[in-house]
Amino acid sequence: MMKKTEIILKEGYPYIAISGVLFLVSLLFKFPTILQLLFFVIFVFFVYFFRNPARIPEDDSENAIISPSDGTIIEIKESISPITNKNSIKISIRLSLFDVHIQRSPIKGEMSAREYIHGMFLSLNSNKASELNEQNRVLFENEKNQIVVNQIAGFITRRIIMFRDLGPIKLGERYGMITFGSQVDVYLPKNITLKVSEFQKVKAGESLIGYINEAN
């Protein structure tokens, strides 16, 4: 399991090492300045991309649901949830190359099921990407909630990573990541009071998505 104290994810070490070596070689052999600058920028980008910041939930009460992913909410609509096949509220979160790409548990409970779908690598701008692309679906549940989080690979993305196995999980605990630009779909129970809207930026393990309304 990944240590919370890691400032940079170990999954990023190969990218950082190779780009760092290229930058040093460009200095030692006096490559043109533009190439030295390019290798330096690539090195800095990989260090930045694989950062692993600490996060504190805006609300850690038992009815609160926290965003599992960084990014921008591009769509909120009713949909059928994978794994549970229930009518749900689907929130689609698009990640840019500059967002933290680590996913976190939206609730405290259990990671109780997982479906990995081998698929294509269409551009996320395609209407079929969320259906046909490579995906990793995880069911989080407790006595009040069943929430499915679906990691979707994009055109650049070629790897979905799981940090841990199924089992008990804490609110905001890191469980996986997608390397490079991607999308995360969150399927929520319909008896939820949403606290987010389309085009809003959210942060994994920090931003409040909504509250389960037990009266419904």
N, C-alpha and C. Protein backbone atom coordinates (compact mmCIF):
# COMPACT_ATOMS: atom_id res chain seq x y z
N MET A 1 0.84 -1.19 0.00
CA MET A 1 0.00 0.00 0.00
C MET A 1 0.88 1.25 0.00
N MET A 2 0.43 2.28 -0.71
CA MET A 2 1.19 3.52 -0.80
C MET A 2 1.24 4.22 0.55
N LYS A 3 2.39 4.74 0.91
CA LYS A 3 2.55 5.49 2.14
C LYS A 3 2.03 6.91 1.97
N LYS A 4 1.33 7.40 2.98
CA LYS A 4 0.78 8.74 2.90
C LYS A 4 1.87 9.80 2.92
N THR A 5 3.08 9.43 3.38
CA THR A 5 4.15 10.40 3.50
C THR A 5 4.88 10.64 2.18
N GLU A 6 4.56 9.86 1.14
CA GLU A 6 5.22 10.06 -0.15
C GLU A 6 4.85 11.43 -0.72
N ILE A 7 5.84 12.27 -0.95
CA ILE A 7 5.58 13.57 -1.56
C ILE A 7 5.39 13.41 -3.06
N ILE A 8 6.16 12.50 -3.65
CA ILE A 8 6.05 12.17 -5.06
C ILE A 8 5.72 10.68 -5.16
N LEU A 9 4.74 10.33 -5.98
CA LEU A 9 4.37 8.93 -6.14
C LEU A 9 5.50 8.12 -6.77
N LYS A 10 5.71 6.93 -6.26
CA LYS A 10 6.77 6.08 -6.81
C LYS A 10 6.51 5.70 -8.26
N GLU A 11 5.22 5.71 -8.66
CA GLU A 11 4.88 5.43 -10.05
C GLU A 11 5.48 6.44 -11.01
N GLY A 12 5.85 7.62 -10.47
CA GLY A 12 6.43 8.65 -11.30
C GLY A 12 7.94 8.60 -11.40
N TYR A 13 8.59 7.75 -10.59
CA TYR A 13 10.05 7.72 -10.55
C TYR A 13 10.68 7.45 -11.92
N PRO A 14 10.18 6.46 -12.70
CA PRO A 14 10.82 6.22 -14.01
C PRO A 14 10.76 7.45 -14.93
N TYR A 15 9.60 8.12 -14.97
CA TYR A 15 9.45 9.31 -15.82
C TYR A 15 10.40 10.42 -15.36
N ILE A 16 10.46 10.61 -14.03
CA ILE A 16 11.31 11.66 -13.48
C ILE A 16 12.78 11.35 -13.71
N ALA A 17 13.17 10.08 -13.50
CA ALA A 17 14.57 9.69 -13.67
C ALA A 17 15.04 9.86 -15.11
N ILE A 18 14.23 9.38 -16.06
CA ILE A 18 14.62 9.46 -17.47
C ILE A 18 14.72 10.91 -17.93
N SER A 19 13.72 11.72 -17.58
CA SER A 19 13.75 13.13 -18.00
C SER A 19 14.88 13.88 -17.31
N GLY A 20 15.19 13.51 -16.05
CA GLY A 20 16.30 14.15 -15.35
C GLY A 20 17.64 13.82 -15.98
N VAL A 21 17.81 12.54 -16.38
CA VAL A 21 19.05 12.13 -17.04
C VAL A 21 19.21 12.85 -18.37
N LEU A 22 18.14 12.96 -19.12
CA LEU A 22 18.20 13.67 -20.40
C LEU A 22 18.60 15.13 -20.21
N PHE A 23 18.08 15.75 -19.17
CA PHE A 23 18.44 17.14 -18.89
C PHE A 23 19.92 17.26 -18.53
N LEU A 24 20.43 16.35 -17.68
CA LEU A 24 21.84 16.38 -17.29
C LEU A 24 22.75 16.13 -18.50
N VAL A 25 22.36 15.18 -19.35
CA VAL A 25 23.14 14.89 -20.55
C VAL A 25 23.20 16.12 -21.46
N SER A 26 22.06 16.81 -21.56
CA SER A 26 22.03 18.00 -22.42
C SER A 26 22.95 19.09 -21.89
N LEU A 27 23.11 19.15 -20.56
CA LEU A 27 24.04 20.12 -19.97
C LEU A 27 25.49 19.70 -20.19
N LEU A 28 25.78 18.43 -19.93
CA LEU A 28 27.16 17.93 -20.03
C LEU A 28 27.70 18.01 -21.45
N PHE A 29 26.84 17.72 -22.42
CA PHE A 29 27.29 17.71 -23.81
C PHE A 29 26.93 19.00 -24.55
N LYS A 30 26.50 19.98 -23.77
CA LYS A 30 26.24 21.33 -24.29
C LYS A 30 25.32 21.32 -25.51
N PHE A 31 24.17 20.68 -25.30
CA PHE A 31 23.14 20.71 -26.33
C PHE A 31 22.69 22.16 -26.54
N PRO A 32 22.02 22.45 -27.66
CA PRO A 32 21.46 23.80 -27.84
C PRO A 32 20.57 24.20 -26.67
N THR A 33 20.57 25.46 -26.35
CA THR A 33 19.83 25.95 -25.19
C THR A 33 18.36 25.57 -25.23
N ILE A 34 17.77 25.57 -26.40
CA ILE A 34 16.34 25.25 -26.52
C ILE A 34 16.07 23.82 -26.10
N LEU A 35 17.01 22.89 -26.40
CA LEU A 35 16.84 21.50 -25.99
C LEU A 35 17.05 21.34 -24.49
N GLN A 36 18.03 22.05 -23.95
CA GLN A 36 18.24 22.02 -22.50
C GLN A 36 16.99 22.50 -21.77
N LEU A 37 16.42 23.58 -22.27
CA LEU A 37 15.21 24.12 -21.66
C LEU A 37 14.05 23.14 -21.78
N LEU A 38 13.93 22.50 -22.95
CA LEU A 38 12.85 21.53 -23.16
C LEU A 38 12.96 20.36 -22.19
N PHE A 39 14.16 19.79 -22.04
CA PHE A 39 14.34 18.65 -21.13
C PHE A 39 14.09 19.07 -19.68
N PHE A 40 14.46 20.28 -19.33
CA PHE A 40 14.22 20.77 -17.97
C PHE A 40 12.72 20.91 -17.71
N VAL A 41 12.00 21.46 -18.68
CA VAL A 41 10.55 21.64 -18.53
C VAL A 41 9.86 20.28 -18.40
N ILE A 42 10.29 19.30 -19.19
CA ILE A 42 9.71 17.95 -19.10
C ILE A 42 9.97 17.35 -17.72
N PHE A 43 11.20 17.52 -17.23
CA PHE A 43 11.55 17.01 -15.90
C PHE A 43 10.66 17.65 -14.82
N VAL A 44 10.52 18.95 -14.85
CA VAL A 44 9.70 19.66 -13.86
C VAL A 44 8.25 19.23 -13.97
N PHE A 45 7.76 19.04 -15.19
CA PHE A 45 6.38 18.62 -15.38
C PHE A 45 6.11 17.28 -14.71
N PHE A 46 7.01 16.30 -14.90
CA PHE A 46 6.80 14.98 -14.30
C PHE A 46 6.83 15.04 -12.78
N VAL A 47 7.73 15.84 -12.22
CA VAL A 47 7.76 16.02 -10.76
C VAL A 47 6.43 16.58 -10.29
N TYR A 48 5.93 17.58 -11.01
CA TYR A 48 4.67 18.23 -10.65
C TYR A 48 3.49 17.28 -10.84
N PHE A 49 3.48 16.55 -11.94
CA PHE A 49 2.34 15.68 -12.25
C PHE A 49 2.16 14.58 -11.21
N PHE A 50 3.25 14.00 -10.75
CA PHE A 50 3.17 12.88 -9.81
C PHE A 50 3.22 13.33 -8.34
N ARG A 51 2.88 14.59 -8.10
CA ARG A 51 2.82 15.08 -6.72
C ARG A 51 1.70 14.37 -5.96
N ASN A 52 1.86 14.31 -4.65
CA ASN A 52 0.94 13.55 -3.80
C ASN A 52 0.56 14.39 -2.59
N PRO A 53 -0.29 15.41 -2.78
CA PRO A 53 -0.58 16.33 -1.68
C PRO A 53 -1.49 15.73 -0.62
N ALA A 54 -1.35 16.22 0.62
CA ALA A 54 -2.28 15.85 1.68
C ALA A 54 -3.58 16.62 1.48
N ARG A 55 -4.69 16.02 1.84
CA ARG A 55 -6.00 16.66 1.70
C ARG A 55 -6.83 16.45 2.97
N ILE A 56 -7.60 17.46 3.34
CA ILE A 56 -8.51 17.38 4.48
C ILE A 56 -9.93 17.60 3.98
N PRO A 57 -10.87 16.67 4.23
CA PRO A 57 -12.24 16.83 3.75
C PRO A 57 -12.91 18.09 4.30
N GLU A 58 -13.70 18.74 3.46
CA GLU A 58 -14.47 19.90 3.91
C GLU A 58 -15.46 19.51 4.99
N ASP A 59 -15.98 18.31 4.93
CA ASP A 59 -16.95 17.80 5.90
C ASP A 59 -16.74 16.30 6.03
N ASP A 60 -16.50 15.84 7.24
CA ASP A 60 -16.28 14.40 7.44
C ASP A 60 -17.43 13.75 8.21
N SER A 61 -18.62 14.38 8.20
CA SER A 61 -19.78 13.80 8.86
C SER A 61 -20.24 12.56 8.10
N GLU A 62 -21.03 11.71 8.74
CA GLU A 62 -21.35 10.40 8.17
C GLU A 62 -22.22 10.48 6.91
N ASN A 63 -22.95 11.57 6.71
CA ASN A 63 -23.80 11.70 5.52
C ASN A 63 -23.10 12.43 4.37
N ALA A 64 -21.89 12.91 4.61
CA ALA A 64 -21.18 13.69 3.59
C ALA A 64 -20.51 12.77 2.56
N ILE A 65 -20.50 13.23 1.31
CA ILE A 65 -19.80 12.55 0.23
C ILE A 65 -18.77 13.52 -0.34
N ILE A 66 -17.53 13.07 -0.39
CA ILE A 66 -16.41 13.91 -0.82
C ILE A 66 -15.97 13.51 -2.23
N SER A 67 -15.51 14.47 -2.99
CA SER A 67 -15.08 14.19 -4.36
C SER A 67 -13.96 13.14 -4.39
N PRO A 68 -14.08 12.14 -5.26
CA PRO A 68 -13.01 11.15 -5.38
C PRO A 68 -11.89 11.59 -6.31
N SER A 69 -12.08 12.73 -7.00
CA SER A 69 -11.10 13.11 -8.02
C SER A 69 -10.96 14.62 -8.11
N ASP A 70 -9.77 15.05 -8.49
CA ASP A 70 -9.56 16.43 -8.90
C ASP A 70 -10.13 16.62 -10.30
N GLY A 71 -10.41 17.87 -10.66
CA GLY A 71 -10.83 18.16 -12.02
C GLY A 71 -12.00 19.12 -12.08
N THR A 72 -12.61 19.19 -13.26
CA THR A 72 -13.76 20.06 -13.51
C THR A 72 -14.98 19.21 -13.80
N ILE A 73 -16.08 19.51 -13.14
CA ILE A 73 -17.33 18.78 -13.39
C ILE A 73 -17.87 19.21 -14.76
N ILE A 74 -17.96 18.27 -15.67
CA ILE A 74 -18.42 18.61 -17.03
C ILE A 74 -19.87 18.23 -17.27
N GLU A 75 -20.42 17.37 -16.39
CA GLU A 75 -21.81 16.96 -16.60
C GLU A 75 -22.38 16.35 -15.32
N ILE A 76 -23.65 16.67 -15.05
CA ILE A 76 -24.41 16.03 -13.98
C ILE A 76 -25.73 15.58 -14.58
N LYS A 77 -26.03 14.29 -14.50
CA LYS A 77 -27.27 13.78 -15.08
C LYS A 77 -27.67 12.47 -14.41
N GLU A 78 -28.90 12.04 -14.66
CA GLU A 78 -29.35 10.74 -14.17
C GLU A 78 -28.83 9.64 -15.09
N SER A 79 -28.45 8.52 -14.48
CA SER A 79 -27.89 7.42 -15.27
C SER A 79 -28.00 6.13 -14.47
N ILE A 80 -27.78 5.01 -15.15
CA ILE A 80 -27.72 3.71 -14.49
C ILE A 80 -26.29 3.43 -14.06
N SER A 81 -26.12 3.13 -12.80
CA SER A 81 -24.78 2.90 -12.28
C SER A 81 -24.25 1.53 -12.69
N PRO A 82 -22.98 1.46 -13.12
CA PRO A 82 -22.37 0.13 -13.32
C PRO A 82 -22.23 -0.57 -11.96
N ILE A 83 -22.06 -1.84 -12.00
CA ILE A 83 -21.94 -2.74 -10.84
C ILE A 83 -23.28 -2.92 -10.13
N THR A 84 -23.90 -1.81 -9.65
CA THR A 84 -25.15 -1.93 -8.89
C THR A 84 -26.38 -1.96 -9.79
N ASN A 85 -26.26 -1.38 -11.01
CA ASN A 85 -27.38 -1.29 -11.95
C ASN A 85 -28.58 -0.52 -11.38
N LYS A 86 -28.30 0.46 -10.53
CA LYS A 86 -29.35 1.28 -9.92
C LYS A 86 -29.46 2.63 -10.62
N ASN A 87 -30.66 3.22 -10.57
CA ASN A 87 -30.83 4.60 -11.02
C ASN A 87 -30.01 5.50 -10.12
N SER A 88 -29.19 6.35 -10.70
CA SER A 88 -28.23 7.13 -9.93
C SER A 88 -28.08 8.54 -10.50
N ILE A 89 -27.41 9.37 -9.74
CA ILE A 89 -26.96 10.67 -10.23
C ILE A 89 -25.50 10.51 -10.63
N LYS A 90 -25.22 10.76 -11.91
CA LYS A 90 -23.86 10.61 -12.43
C LYS A 90 -23.19 11.97 -12.53
N ILE A 91 -22.02 12.09 -11.92
CA ILE A 91 -21.20 13.30 -12.01
C ILE A 91 -19.92 12.95 -12.76
N SER A 92 -19.70 13.60 -13.89
CA SER A 92 -18.49 13.35 -14.69
C SER A 92 -17.47 14.44 -14.42
N ILE A 93 -16.26 14.03 -14.04
CA ILE A 93 -15.19 14.95 -13.69
C ILE A 93 -14.04 14.78 -14.69
N ARG A 94 -13.71 15.82 -15.41
CA ARG A 94 -12.64 15.78 -16.40
C ARG A 94 -11.34 16.31 -15.78
N LEU A 95 -10.27 15.56 -15.91
CA LEU A 95 -8.96 15.95 -15.38
C LEU A 95 -8.09 16.51 -16.49
N SER A 96 -7.45 17.62 -16.25
CA SER A 96 -6.45 18.14 -17.17
C SER A 96 -5.09 17.57 -16.80
N LEU A 97 -4.11 17.81 -17.64
CA LEU A 97 -2.74 17.34 -17.35
C LEU A 97 -2.17 17.97 -16.09
N PHE A 98 -2.76 19.07 -15.64
CA PHE A 98 -2.20 19.80 -14.50
C PHE A 98 -2.93 19.50 -13.19
N ASP A 99 -3.97 18.66 -13.24
CA ASP A 99 -4.65 18.23 -12.02
C ASP A 99 -3.90 17.09 -11.36
N VAL A 100 -4.06 16.95 -10.04
CA VAL A 100 -3.57 15.75 -9.35
C VAL A 100 -4.41 14.57 -9.83
N HIS A 101 -3.76 13.49 -10.22
CA HIS A 101 -4.47 12.36 -10.84
C HIS A 101 -4.73 11.20 -9.89
N ILE A 102 -4.61 11.43 -8.60
CA ILE A 102 -4.89 10.41 -7.59
C ILE A 102 -6.38 10.40 -7.28
N GLN A 103 -6.96 9.20 -7.18
CA GLN A 103 -8.36 9.07 -6.76
C GLN A 103 -8.43 8.62 -5.30
N ARG A 104 -9.49 9.11 -4.62
CA ARG A 104 -9.66 8.86 -3.19
C ARG A 104 -11.09 8.40 -2.89
N SER A 105 -11.23 7.72 -1.77
CA SER A 105 -12.54 7.21 -1.40
C SER A 105 -13.50 8.36 -1.06
N PRO A 106 -14.73 8.34 -1.62
CA PRO A 106 -15.69 9.40 -1.34
C PRO A 106 -16.40 9.26 0.00
N ILE A 107 -16.30 8.08 0.61
CA ILE A 107 -16.95 7.82 1.90
C ILE A 107 -16.05 6.90 2.74
N LYS A 108 -16.41 6.78 4.00
CA LYS A 108 -15.79 5.77 4.86
C LYS A 108 -16.63 4.50 4.76
N GLY A 109 -16.00 3.38 4.53
CA GLY A 109 -16.75 2.14 4.41
C GLY A 109 -15.91 1.01 3.86
N GLU A 110 -16.41 0.38 2.80
CA GLU A 110 -15.74 -0.76 2.19
C GLU A 110 -15.59 -0.54 0.68
N MET A 111 -14.43 -0.89 0.17
CA MET A 111 -14.31 -1.12 -1.27
C MET A 111 -14.72 -2.58 -1.47
N SER A 112 -15.96 -2.78 -1.95
CA SER A 112 -16.53 -4.12 -1.91
C SER A 112 -16.56 -4.84 -3.25
N ALA A 113 -16.36 -4.12 -4.36
CA ALA A 113 -16.37 -4.78 -5.67
C ALA A 113 -15.58 -3.94 -6.66
N ARG A 114 -15.10 -4.64 -7.70
CA ARG A 114 -14.32 -3.96 -8.74
C ARG A 114 -14.56 -4.63 -10.08
N GLU A 115 -14.68 -3.81 -11.13
CA GLU A 115 -14.77 -4.31 -12.50
C GLU A 115 -13.74 -3.57 -13.34
N TYR A 116 -12.85 -4.33 -13.97
CA TYR A 116 -11.88 -3.73 -14.88
C TYR A 116 -12.29 -4.04 -16.30
N ILE A 117 -12.45 -3.01 -17.12
CA ILE A 117 -12.92 -3.18 -18.49
C ILE A 117 -11.79 -2.84 -19.45
N HIS A 118 -11.31 -3.84 -20.20
CA HIS A 118 -10.33 -3.57 -21.25
C HIS A 118 -11.05 -2.89 -22.41
N GLY A 119 -10.52 -1.76 -22.85
CA GLY A 119 -11.22 -1.03 -23.90
C GLY A 119 -10.29 -0.23 -24.77
N MET A 120 -10.86 0.77 -25.42
CA MET A 120 -10.13 1.59 -26.36
C MET A 120 -9.53 2.81 -25.65
N PHE A 121 -8.89 3.66 -26.44
CA PHE A 121 -8.30 4.89 -25.90
C PHE A 121 -8.74 6.08 -26.77
N LEU A 122 -10.07 6.20 -26.90
CA LEU A 122 -10.62 7.31 -27.67
C LEU A 122 -10.39 8.63 -26.94
N SER A 123 -10.42 9.73 -27.70
CA SER A 123 -10.37 11.04 -27.08
C SER A 123 -11.58 11.21 -26.17
N LEU A 124 -11.37 11.83 -25.00
CA LEU A 124 -12.47 12.02 -24.06
C LEU A 124 -13.52 12.98 -24.57
N ASN A 125 -13.23 13.68 -25.64
CA ASN A 125 -14.23 14.55 -26.27
C ASN A 125 -15.25 13.75 -27.07
N SER A 126 -14.96 12.48 -27.32
CA SER A 126 -15.88 11.61 -28.04
C SER A 126 -17.03 11.19 -27.13
N ASN A 127 -18.25 11.18 -27.68
CA ASN A 127 -19.42 10.77 -26.90
C ASN A 127 -19.35 9.30 -26.48
N LYS A 128 -18.55 8.51 -27.19
CA LYS A 128 -18.45 7.08 -26.91
C LYS A 128 -17.32 6.73 -25.95
N ALA A 129 -16.51 7.71 -25.57
CA ALA A 129 -15.33 7.42 -24.75
C ALA A 129 -15.70 6.80 -23.41
N SER A 130 -16.73 7.33 -22.76
CA SER A 130 -17.10 6.82 -21.43
C SER A 130 -17.71 5.42 -21.49
N GLU A 131 -18.07 4.97 -22.71
CA GLU A 131 -18.61 3.62 -22.86
C GLU A 131 -17.56 2.63 -23.35
N LEU A 132 -16.68 3.09 -24.27
CA LEU A 132 -15.79 2.18 -24.97
C LEU A 132 -14.35 2.17 -24.46
N ASN A 133 -13.93 3.22 -23.75
CA ASN A 133 -12.54 3.30 -23.31
C ASN A 133 -12.25 2.35 -22.15
N GLU A 134 -10.97 2.11 -21.92
CA GLU A 134 -10.54 1.31 -20.78
C GLU A 134 -11.04 1.95 -19.49
N GLN A 135 -11.57 1.11 -18.57
CA GLN A 135 -12.19 1.64 -17.36
C GLN A 135 -11.88 0.76 -16.16
N ASN A 136 -11.94 1.38 -14.98
CA ASN A 136 -11.79 0.65 -13.72
C ASN A 136 -12.89 1.14 -12.78
N ARG A 137 -13.86 0.27 -12.52
CA ARG A 137 -15.02 0.64 -11.70
C ARG A 137 -14.88 0.04 -10.31
N VAL A 138 -15.11 0.87 -9.29
CA VAL A 138 -14.98 0.41 -7.90
C VAL A 138 -16.24 0.80 -7.14
N LEU A 139 -16.79 -0.14 -6.38
CA LEU A 139 -17.97 0.11 -5.55
C LEU A 139 -17.52 0.40 -4.12
N PHE A 140 -17.92 1.57 -3.63
CA PHE A 140 -17.71 1.95 -2.23
C PHE A 140 -19.07 1.90 -1.53
N GLU A 141 -19.12 1.25 -0.38
CA GLU A 141 -20.40 1.20 0.31
C GLU A 141 -20.24 1.12 1.81
N ASN A 142 -21.30 1.60 2.49
CA ASN A 142 -21.47 1.43 3.94
C ASN A 142 -22.95 1.24 4.20
N GLU A 143 -23.37 1.38 5.44
CA GLU A 143 -24.76 1.10 5.76
C GLU A 143 -25.73 2.11 5.13
N LYS A 144 -25.23 3.26 4.66
CA LYS A 144 -26.10 4.29 4.09
C LYS A 144 -25.91 4.51 2.59
N ASN A 145 -24.76 4.18 2.08
CA ASN A 145 -24.42 4.56 0.71
C ASN A 145 -23.93 3.39 -0.13
N GLN A 146 -24.19 3.48 -1.42
CA GLN A 146 -23.51 2.68 -2.44
C GLN A 146 -23.08 3.66 -3.53
N ILE A 147 -21.78 3.83 -3.70
CA ILE A 147 -21.25 4.80 -4.66
C ILE A 147 -20.25 4.08 -5.56
N VAL A 148 -20.42 4.25 -6.85
CA VAL A 148 -19.48 3.66 -7.82
C VAL A 148 -18.63 4.78 -8.41
N VAL A 149 -17.32 4.58 -8.39
CA VAL A 149 -16.39 5.53 -9.01
C VAL A 149 -15.73 4.81 -10.19
N ASN A 150 -15.83 5.43 -11.35
CA ASN A 150 -15.31 4.81 -12.58
C ASN A 150 -14.16 5.65 -13.14
N GLN A 151 -12.97 5.08 -13.12
CA GLN A 151 -11.80 5.73 -13.74
C GLN A 151 -11.79 5.39 -15.22
N ILE A 152 -11.72 6.40 -16.08
CA ILE A 152 -11.78 6.20 -17.52
C ILE A 152 -10.49 6.70 -18.17
N ALA A 153 -9.83 5.83 -18.91
CA ALA A 153 -8.61 6.22 -19.61
C ALA A 153 -8.96 7.07 -20.82
N GLY A 154 -8.04 7.97 -21.19
CA GLY A 154 -8.24 8.83 -22.36
C GLY A 154 -7.28 8.48 -23.48
N PHE A 155 -7.19 9.38 -24.45
CA PHE A 155 -6.34 9.16 -25.62
C PHE A 155 -4.87 9.08 -25.24
N ILE A 156 -4.44 9.95 -24.31
CA ILE A 156 -3.04 9.95 -23.86
C ILE A 156 -2.83 8.90 -22.78
N THR A 157 -3.84 8.73 -21.92
CA THR A 157 -3.72 7.82 -20.79
C THR A 157 -3.58 6.38 -21.26
N ARG A 158 -2.63 5.68 -20.71
CA ARG A 158 -2.45 4.27 -21.07
C ARG A 158 -2.33 3.38 -19.84
N ARG A 159 -2.65 3.94 -18.68
CA ARG A 159 -2.46 3.12 -17.48
C ARG A 159 -3.36 3.59 -16.35
N ILE A 160 -4.18 2.68 -15.84
CA ILE A 160 -4.97 2.91 -14.64
C ILE A 160 -4.35 2.06 -13.54
N ILE A 161 -4.05 2.68 -12.41
CA ILE A 161 -3.29 2.04 -11.34
C ILE A 161 -4.15 1.91 -10.09
N MET A 162 -4.09 0.75 -9.44
CA MET A 162 -4.71 0.56 -8.14
C MET A 162 -3.61 0.49 -7.09
N PHE A 163 -3.76 1.27 -6.01
CA PHE A 163 -2.77 1.28 -4.94
C PHE A 163 -3.03 0.18 -3.91
N ARG A 164 -4.24 -0.36 -3.88
CA ARG A 164 -4.60 -1.27 -2.80
C ARG A 164 -5.67 -2.25 -3.27
N ASP A 165 -5.93 -3.27 -2.43
CA ASP A 165 -6.96 -4.27 -2.71
C ASP A 165 -8.29 -3.83 -2.12
N LEU A 166 -9.33 -4.62 -2.38
CA LEU A 166 -10.64 -4.37 -1.79
C LEU A 166 -10.57 -4.55 -0.28
N GLY A 167 -11.53 -3.91 0.43
CA GLY A 167 -11.57 -4.02 1.88
C GLY A 167 -11.94 -2.70 2.53
N PRO A 168 -11.84 -2.61 3.85
CA PRO A 168 -12.19 -1.38 4.57
C PRO A 168 -11.35 -0.20 4.07
N ILE A 169 -11.97 0.97 4.02
CA ILE A 169 -11.27 2.16 3.54
C ILE A 169 -11.77 3.39 4.28
N LYS A 170 -10.88 4.34 4.49
CA LYS A 170 -11.22 5.57 5.19
C LYS A 170 -11.71 6.63 4.21
N LEU A 171 -12.45 7.60 4.71
CA LEU A 171 -12.86 8.73 3.90
C LEU A 171 -11.63 9.47 3.39
N GLY A 172 -11.55 9.68 2.08
CA GLY A 172 -10.44 10.41 1.50
C GLY A 172 -9.17 9.61 1.32
N GLU A 173 -9.21 8.31 1.62
CA GLU A 173 -8.00 7.49 1.47
C GLU A 173 -7.68 7.28 -0.01
N ARG A 174 -6.42 7.37 -0.37
CA ARG A 174 -6.00 7.15 -1.75
C ARG A 174 -6.15 5.68 -2.11
N TYR A 175 -6.71 5.43 -3.30
CA TYR A 175 -6.83 4.03 -3.72
C TYR A 175 -6.33 3.78 -5.13
N GLY A 176 -6.12 4.82 -5.94
CA GLY A 176 -5.65 4.60 -7.30
C GLY A 176 -5.38 5.90 -8.03
N MET A 177 -4.95 5.76 -9.28
CA MET A 177 -4.70 6.94 -10.10
C MET A 177 -4.80 6.56 -11.58
N ILE A 178 -4.95 7.59 -12.41
CA ILE A 178 -4.89 7.43 -13.85
C ILE A 178 -3.73 8.29 -14.33
N THR A 179 -2.84 7.73 -15.14
CA THR A 179 -1.70 8.52 -15.60
C THR A 179 -2.09 9.37 -16.80
N PHE A 180 -1.93 10.67 -16.64
CA PHE A 180 -2.17 11.69 -17.67
C PHE A 180 -3.67 11.88 -17.94
N GLY A 181 -4.00 12.90 -18.76
CA GLY A 181 -5.37 13.38 -18.88
C GLY A 181 -6.42 12.28 -18.93
N SER A 182 -7.54 12.46 -18.21
CA SER A 182 -8.49 11.37 -18.04
C SER A 182 -9.82 11.90 -17.52
N GLN A 183 -10.72 10.96 -17.18
CA GLN A 183 -12.04 11.32 -16.66
C GLN A 183 -12.44 10.35 -15.57
N VAL A 184 -13.18 10.85 -14.58
CA VAL A 184 -13.73 10.02 -13.51
C VAL A 184 -15.22 10.28 -13.43
N ASP A 185 -16.02 9.21 -13.51
CA ASP A 185 -17.47 9.31 -13.34
C ASP A 185 -17.84 8.79 -11.96
N VAL A 186 -18.69 9.53 -11.27
CA VAL A 186 -19.14 9.16 -9.93
C VAL A 186 -20.64 8.92 -9.97
N TYR A 187 -21.09 7.75 -9.52
CA TYR A 187 -22.51 7.41 -9.52
C TYR A 187 -23.01 7.44 -8.07
N LEU A 188 -23.92 8.36 -7.80
CA LEU A 188 -24.39 8.63 -6.45
C LEU A 188 -25.84 8.20 -6.27
N PRO A 189 -26.24 7.86 -5.03
CA PRO A 189 -27.66 7.56 -4.77
C PRO A 189 -28.53 8.77 -5.13
N LYS A 190 -29.78 8.51 -5.54
CA LYS A 190 -30.65 9.59 -5.96
C LYS A 190 -31.14 10.44 -4.79
N ASN A 191 -31.09 9.88 -3.57
CA ASN A 191 -31.51 10.66 -2.40
C ASN A 191 -30.34 11.48 -1.86
N ILE A 192 -29.80 12.31 -2.73
CA ILE A 192 -28.65 13.13 -2.34
C ILE A 192 -28.97 14.60 -2.55
N THR A 193 -28.50 15.41 -1.64
CA THR A 193 -28.57 16.86 -1.80
C THR A 193 -27.22 17.31 -2.33
N LEU A 194 -27.16 17.70 -3.61
CA LEU A 194 -25.89 18.07 -4.24
C LEU A 194 -25.42 19.44 -3.77
N LYS A 195 -24.12 19.57 -3.62
CA LYS A 195 -23.49 20.83 -3.25
C LYS A 195 -22.52 21.30 -4.32
N VAL A 196 -22.62 20.71 -5.51
CA VAL A 196 -21.75 21.10 -6.62
C VAL A 196 -22.61 21.35 -7.85
N SER A 197 -22.02 21.95 -8.85
CA SER A 197 -22.71 22.23 -10.11
C SER A 197 -21.76 22.01 -11.27
N GLU A 198 -22.31 21.96 -12.48
CA GLU A 198 -21.48 21.78 -13.66
C GLU A 198 -20.50 22.93 -13.83
N PHE A 199 -19.32 22.61 -14.33
CA PHE A 199 -18.21 23.53 -14.59
C PHE A 199 -17.49 23.98 -13.32
N GLN A 200 -17.82 23.35 -12.20
CA GLN A 200 -17.14 23.65 -10.94
C GLN A 200 -15.87 22.81 -10.82
N LYS A 201 -14.82 23.40 -10.27
CA LYS A 201 -13.58 22.68 -9.98
C LYS A 201 -13.71 21.98 -8.63
N VAL A 202 -13.22 20.75 -8.55
CA VAL A 202 -13.25 20.00 -7.30
C VAL A 202 -11.88 19.38 -7.04
N LYS A 203 -11.66 19.01 -5.78
CA LYS A 203 -10.42 18.36 -5.39
C LYS A 203 -10.72 17.05 -4.66
N ALA A 204 -9.97 16.01 -5.02
CA ALA A 204 -10.15 14.70 -4.40
C ALA A 204 -9.83 14.76 -2.91
N GLY A 205 -10.69 14.12 -2.11
CA GLY A 205 -10.45 14.05 -0.67
C GLY A 205 -10.68 15.34 0.07
N GLU A 206 -11.20 16.35 -0.63
CA GLU A 206 -11.39 17.66 -0.01
C GLU A 206 -12.76 18.26 -0.30
N SER A 207 -13.15 18.36 -1.57
CA SER A 207 -14.37 19.06 -1.97
C SER A 207 -15.61 18.26 -1.62
N LEU A 208 -16.57 18.93 -1.00
CA LEU A 208 -17.85 18.30 -0.66
C LEU A 208 -18.72 18.18 -1.90
N ILE A 209 -19.18 16.97 -2.21
CA ILE A 209 -20.05 16.72 -3.35
C ILE A 209 -21.52 16.88 -2.95
N GLY A 210 -21.88 16.38 -1.76
CA GLY A 210 -23.27 16.47 -1.32
C GLY A 210 -23.50 15.67 -0.05
N TYR A 211 -24.79 15.62 0.35
CA TYR A 211 -25.20 14.89 1.56
C TYR A 211 -26.31 13.91 1.21
N ILE A 212 -26.23 12.73 1.82
CA ILE A 212 -27.33 11.77 1.69
C ILE A 212 -28.51 12.29 2.52
N ASN A 213 -29.67 12.35 1.89
CA ASN A 213 -30.88 12.83 2.54
C ASN A 213 -31.67 11.64 3.05
N GLU A 214 -31.57 11.37 4.32
CA GLU A 214 -32.20 10.18 4.88
C GLU A 214 -33.72 10.30 4.91
N ALA A 215 -34.25 11.52 4.82
CA ALA A 215 -35.69 11.71 4.83
C ALA A 215 -36.35 11.12 3.59
N ASN A 216 -35.53 10.99 2.49
CA ASN A 216 -36.08 10.43 1.26
C ASN A 216 -36.00 8.91 1.25
